[in-house]
Every structure is written in structure tokens, then in C-alpha cells.
Amino acid sequence: MKEMLKSLCVFSFFIIFSACATTQQGLPAKYDLGKELKEINQINTFQLSSWEEVDNQSIILETGLHKYYLLVLRNPIIGVIPSLTIGISSTISSITARFDKIFINEGGVTQYYFIDKIYELKDRKQVDEIKKQLLKK
């Protein structure tokens, strides 16, 4: 009986420990840009023209007609972003926050990163300002 109780306690400890280890932490405060930028849920991607790195947890997409969007990822990217090829797993011709993800293939291994937030940027000037702001923090 004592062995069974001891085993139950050890099992319970591992369950609680693994639940804590897998609990998603919130985004760093620097990505809470709702007061400065317009947060949107979805963007059309049929004219996606380029992307650029901001930091290891955010990228900027440019679509046709010089429209810019800041994508904030749920988790930081592991690796050096400029040397990676990225793709976007999206529904039809749009990207939806908290549903779609970017993927990175490095050395035959594909890693997926969910898009947590999408912010619409006004112009190239705002792109540069936001990049500067996020890199300071």
C-alpha cells in the first residue's frame, strides 16, 4: 500500500511538472502594440512580394501596392533568420492570426511557428520605426 501511494505521488509530481513545462507563456510586453498599430486578424496574401526580419519573434511581410504587416510569432525562431528560407502555411490566399503559421526548413528539418498577432503598418517609414522600437527593447 505504501509503495502504491509513493508511486501515485511520484506520478502526480511528473504530471504537474510536465503541465507547467508545456504551459504557453504570454508574449513579451514589447509586442503589445495595439495602442500604436492597428491589430488585424487576417491579411490577403495573393500578392506577397517579400519579407524581412525584425527580431527572432517577428517578421514584416510586404504585399503588392506597398502594404506592410508585422507578424508576431507565438515563440521565438531558433536559428539565424537571414540565412533561413521561410514559408507560410495559410488557408487559401490569406493569413490568419492564431491559426496559420510560418515554417522554416533548415537542414531537412521543418520547424513551425504559429502567428500570434498581425499588425497593419501604414508605410515604409512606420516599418523602420517599429523595427527600431522592437530592437531597442
Foldseek 3Di string as FASTA:
>chain_A
DVVVVVVVVVVVVVVVVVVVVPDQDADPPLPPCVVPFPWDFKDFAPFWDDKADLAQFWIWTAGPPQKIKIWGWSDGHPDDPVVWDKAKDDDDGMHGAPPIWMWTADPNDIDTIGGHIMTTDDHPVRVVVSSVSVVVD
